[in-house]
Amino acid sequence: MHPLVALVTLLALVLFMWMTVRVASARTRCGVPAPATSGHPEFERHFRVQANTLEGLIVSLPALWLFALFVGNDYVAAGLGLVWVVGRVIYMLGYAKAAESRGPGYGIQALAQAVLLFGALGFVVWRLLRPGF
């Protein structure tokens, strides 16, 4: 069982749902009718944040779980996953104000994602090369 990793997974999904609500709100506030995905810069920024986060979830969530399973340390895995979530919140809030403000949040989440992904990859390869460890 990995309750901390499960909690971080759920936090990431709650964050994505929050972004969905923000996109819907911006769509209404900016008068961008569905199914349009462009039309007002504020709406487009919210939409891009959500789309970019979806792209990030595809890599981050499997990497989080594989890191937890192969490294065997839920605290480290969950901590890195939480850093990813916090980085995404900072990214979202910065990008919503101005696209050029997204850098710090992006950097934080990218670093956490890279550690999870390459850490998991390294331990999987290690286990394949050294059965029994």
C-alpha atoms as a PDB file:
ATOM      1  CA  MET A   1       0.000   0.000   0.000  1.00  0.00           C
ATOM      2  CA  HIS A   2       1.130   3.504  -0.763  1.00  0.00           C
ATOM      3  CA  PRO A   3      -1.284   5.881   0.981  1.00  0.00           C
ATOM      4  CA  LEU A   4       0.931   8.975   0.717  1.00  0.00           C
ATOM      5  CA  VAL A   5       1.476   8.458  -2.997  1.00  0.00           C
ATOM      6  CA  ALA A   6      -2.270   7.872  -3.413  1.00  0.00           C
ATOM      7  CA  LEU A   7      -2.979  11.122  -1.559  1.00  0.00           C
ATOM      8  CA  VAL A   8      -0.604  13.079  -3.809  1.00  0.00           C
ATOM      9  CA  THR A   9      -2.207  11.449  -6.866  1.00  0.00           C
ATOM     10  CA  LEU A  10      -5.611  12.601  -5.669  1.00  0.00           C
ATOM     11  CA  LEU A  11      -4.266  16.114  -4.981  1.00  0.00           C
ATOM     12  CA  ALA A  12      -2.959  16.269  -8.557  1.00  0.00           C
ATOM     13  CA  LEU A  13      -6.386  15.250  -9.847  1.00  0.00           C
ATOM     14  CA  VAL A  14      -8.140  17.795  -7.615  1.00  0.00           C
ATOM     15  CA  LEU A  15      -5.768  20.438  -8.979  1.00  0.00           C
ATOM     16  CA  PHE A  16      -6.731  19.440 -12.519  1.00  0.00           C
ATOM     17  CA  MET A  17     -10.423  19.709 -11.636  1.00  0.00           C
ATOM     18  CA  TRP A  18      -9.772  23.175 -10.163  1.00  0.00           C
ATOM     19  CA  MET A  19      -8.151  24.157 -13.454  1.00  0.00           C
ATOM     20  CA  THR A  20     -11.216  22.859 -15.313  1.00  0.00           C
ATOM     21  CA  VAL A  21     -13.453  25.114 -13.237  1.00  0.00           C
ATOM     22  CA  ARG A  22     -11.127  28.063 -13.900  1.00  0.00           C
ATOM     23  CA  VAL A  23     -11.296  27.419 -17.659  1.00  0.00           C
ATOM     24  CA  ALA A  24     -15.102  27.282 -17.571  1.00  0.00           C
ATOM     25  CA  SER A  25     -15.224  30.474 -15.543  1.00  0.00           C
ATOM     26  CA  ALA A  26     -12.845  32.263 -17.915  1.00  0.00           C
ATOM     27  CA  ARG A  27     -14.883  31.023 -20.891  1.00  0.00           C
ATOM     28  CA  THR A  28     -18.016  32.619 -19.441  1.00  0.00           C
ATOM     29  CA  ARG A  29     -16.301  35.786 -18.211  1.00  0.00           C
ATOM     30  CA  CYS A  30     -14.530  36.362 -21.549  1.00  0.00           C
ATOM     31  CA  GLY A  31     -17.484  35.419 -23.739  1.00  0.00           C
ATOM     32  CA  VAL A  32     -15.767  32.546 -25.549  1.00  0.00           C
ATOM     33  CA  PRO A  33     -18.523  30.168 -26.693  1.00  0.00           C
ATOM     34  CA  ALA A  34     -17.910  26.412 -26.729  1.00  0.00           C
ATOM     35  CA  PRO A  35     -16.309  24.683 -28.560  1.00  0.00           C
ATOM     36  CA  ALA A  36     -13.917  27.567 -29.338  1.00  0.00           C
ATOM     37  CA  THR A  37     -10.484  27.312 -27.740  1.00  0.00           C
ATOM     38  CA  SER A  38      -9.311  30.779 -28.680  1.00  0.00           C
ATOM     39  CA  GLY A  39     -10.648  34.271 -28.799  1.00  0.00           C
ATOM     40  CA  HIS A  40      -9.644  36.120 -25.654  1.00  0.00           C
ATOM     41  CA  PRO A  41      -6.094  36.153 -24.216  1.00  0.00           C
ATOM     42  CA  GLU A  42      -7.246  35.579 -20.624  1.00  0.00           C
ATOM     43  CA  PHE A  43      -9.308  32.552 -21.615  1.00  0.00           C
ATOM     44  CA  GLU A  44      -6.484  31.198 -23.774  1.00  0.00           C
ATOM     45  CA  ARG A  45      -4.038  31.378 -20.858  1.00  0.00           C
ATOM     46  CA  HIS A  46      -6.395  29.411 -18.600  1.00  0.00           C
ATOM     47  CA  PHE A  47      -7.017  26.907 -21.371  1.00  0.00           C
ATOM     48  CA  ARG A  48      -3.276  26.426 -22.015  1.00  0.00           C
ATOM     49  CA  VAL A  49      -2.584  25.911 -18.305  1.00  0.00           C
ATOM     50  CA  GLN A  50      -5.157  23.125 -18.195  1.00  0.00           C
ATOM     51  CA  ALA A  51      -3.947  21.525 -21.441  1.00  0.00           C
ATOM     52  CA  ASN A  52      -0.282  21.725 -20.386  1.00  0.00           C
ATOM     53  CA  THR A  53      -1.138  20.179 -17.031  1.00  0.00           C
ATOM     54  CA  LEU A  54      -2.969  17.316 -18.707  1.00  0.00           C
ATOM     55  CA  GLU A  55       0.141  16.703 -20.787  1.00  0.00           C
ATOM     56  CA  GLY A  56       2.219  16.768 -17.598  1.00  0.00           C
ATOM     57  CA  LEU A  57      -0.068  14.364 -15.750  1.00  0.00           C
ATOM     58  CA  ILE A  58       0.522  11.736 -18.434  1.00  0.00           C
ATOM     59  CA  VAL A  59       4.197  11.655 -17.498  1.00  0.00           C
ATOM     60  CA  SER A  60       4.101  12.602 -13.821  1.00  0.00           C
ATOM     61  CA  LEU A  61       1.539  10.186 -12.406  1.00  0.00           C
ATOM     62  CA  PRO A  62       3.046   6.983 -13.840  1.00  0.00           C
ATOM     63  CA  ALA A  63       6.527   8.243 -12.910  1.00  0.00           C
ATOM     64  CA  LEU A  64       5.328   8.949  -9.361  1.00  0.00           C
ATOM     65  CA  TRP A  65       3.940   5.444  -8.932  1.00  0.00           C
ATOM     66  CA  LEU A  66       6.886   3.702 -10.571  1.00  0.00           C
ATOM     67  CA  PHE A  67       9.262   5.697  -8.393  1.00  0.00           C
ATOM     68  CA  ALA A  68       7.325   4.650  -5.280  1.00  0.00           C
ATOM     69  CA  LEU A  69       7.227   1.001  -6.343  1.00  0.00           C
ATOM     70  CA  PHE A  70      10.842   0.618  -7.435  1.00  0.00           C
ATOM     71  CA  VAL A  71      12.626   3.032  -5.108  1.00  0.00           C
ATOM     72  CA  GLY A  72      10.498   1.827  -2.219  1.00  0.00           C
ATOM     73  CA  ASN A  73      10.301   5.088  -0.316  1.00  0.00           C
ATOM     74  CA  ASP A  74       6.811   6.559  -0.134  1.00  0.00           C
ATOM     75  CA  TYR A  75       7.964   9.673   1.706  1.00  0.00           C
ATOM     76  CA  VAL A  76      10.425  10.639  -1.015  1.00  0.00           C
ATOM     77  CA  ALA A  77       8.007   9.750  -3.829  1.00  0.00           C
ATOM     78  CA  ALA A  78       5.110  11.606  -2.206  1.00  0.00           C
ATOM     79  CA  GLY A  79       7.353  14.572  -1.412  1.00  0.00           C
ATOM     80  CA  LEU A  80       8.478  14.840  -5.016  1.00  0.00           C
ATOM     81  CA  GLY A  81       4.885  14.455  -6.179  1.00  0.00           C
ATOM     82  CA  LEU A  82       3.819  17.227  -3.821  1.00  0.00           C
ATOM     83  CA  VAL A  83       6.573  19.462  -5.194  1.00  0.00           C
ATOM     84  CA  TRP A  84       5.144  18.762  -8.667  1.00  0.00           C
ATOM     85  CA  VAL A  85       1.647  19.763  -7.503  1.00  0.00           C
ATOM     86  CA  VAL A  86       2.901  22.953  -5.815  1.00  0.00           C
ATOM     87  CA  GLY A  87       4.952  23.804  -8.904  1.00  0.00           C
ATOM     88  CA  ARG A  88       1.841  23.384 -11.036  1.00  0.00           C
ATOM     89  CA  VAL A  89      -0.152  25.695  -8.743  1.00  0.00           C
ATOM     90  CA  ILE A  90       2.573  28.349  -9.019  1.00  0.00           C
ATOM     91  CA  TYR A  91       2.643  27.783 -12.787  1.00  0.00           C
ATOM     92  CA  MET A  92      -1.149  28.132 -13.021  1.00  0.00           C
ATOM     93  CA  LEU A  93      -1.319  31.333 -11.006  1.00  0.00           C
ATOM     94  CA  GLY A  94       1.596  32.916 -12.854  1.00  0.00           C
ATOM     95  CA  TYR A  95       0.443  31.919 -16.329  1.00  0.00           C
ATOM     96  CA  ALA A  96      -3.105  33.135 -15.641  1.00  0.00           C
ATOM     97  CA  LYS A  97      -1.728  36.632 -14.970  1.00  0.00           C
ATOM     98  CA  ALA A  98       0.738  36.733 -17.856  1.00  0.00           C
ATOM     99  CA  ALA A  99       2.267  34.008 -20.011  1.00  0.00           C
ATOM    100  CA  GLU A 100       5.773  35.239 -19.249  1.00  0.00           C
ATOM    101  CA  SER A 101       5.161  34.655 -15.511  1.00  0.00           C
ATOM    102  CA  ARG A 102       4.910  30.879 -15.873  1.00  0.00           C
ATOM    103  CA  GLY A 103       8.654  30.180 -15.672  1.00  0.00           C
ATOM    104  CA  PRO A 104       9.251  29.634 -11.934  1.00  0.00           C
ATOM    105  CA  GLY A 105       6.329  27.242 -11.504  1.00  0.00           C
ATOM    106  CA  TYR A 106       7.282  25.398 -14.671  1.00  0.00           C
ATOM    107  CA  GLY A 107      10.839  24.982 -13.465  1.00  0.00           C
ATOM    108  CA  ILE A 108       9.763  23.609 -10.085  1.00  0.00           C
ATOM    109  CA  GLN A 109       7.388  21.042 -11.527  1.00  0.00           C
ATOM    110  CA  ALA A 110       9.792  20.094 -14.341  1.00  0.00           C
ATOM    111  CA  LEU A 111      12.560  19.355 -11.861  1.00  0.00           C
ATOM    112  CA  ALA A 112      10.269  17.191  -9.706  1.00  0.00           C
ATOM    113  CA  GLN A 113       8.968  15.406 -12.803  1.00  0.00           C
ATOM    114  CA  ALA A 114      12.498  14.731 -14.065  1.00  0.00           C
ATOM    115  CA  VAL A 115      13.623  13.302 -10.713  1.00  0.00           C
ATOM    116  CA  LEU A 116      10.561  11.040 -10.581  1.00  0.00           C
ATOM    117  CA  LEU A 117      10.921   9.890 -14.180  1.00  0.00           C
ATOM    118  CA  PHE A 118      14.668   9.357 -14.303  1.00  0.00           C
ATOM    119  CA  GLY A 119      14.790   8.051 -10.733  1.00  0.00           C
ATOM    120  CA  ALA A 120      12.182   5.430 -11.601  1.00  0.00           C
ATOM    121  CA  LEU A 121      13.975   4.604 -14.843  1.00  0.00           C
ATOM    122  CA  GLY A 122      17.291   4.214 -13.049  1.00  0.00           C
ATOM    123  CA  PHE A 123      15.860   1.910 -10.398  1.00  0.00           C
ATOM    124  CA  VAL A 124      13.954  -0.187 -12.943  1.00  0.00           C
ATOM    125  CA  VAL A 125      17.147  -0.691 -14.963  1.00  0.00           C
ATOM    126  CA  TRP A 126      19.077  -1.409 -11.744  1.00  0.00           C
ATOM    127  CA  ARG A 127      16.543  -4.082 -10.763  1.00  0.00           C
ATOM    128  CA  LEU A 128      16.695  -5.627 -14.231  1.00  0.00           C
ATOM    129  CA  LEU A 129      20.481  -5.795 -14.137  1.00  0.00           C
ATOM    130  CA  ARG A 130      20.643  -6.982 -10.522  1.00  0.00           C
ATOM    131  CA  PRO A 131      17.831  -9.448  -9.892  1.00  0.00           C
ATOM    132  CA  GLY A 132      17.178 -10.064  -6.220  1.00  0.00           C
ATOM    133  CA  PHE A 133      17.848  -6.495  -5.083  1.00  0.00           C
END
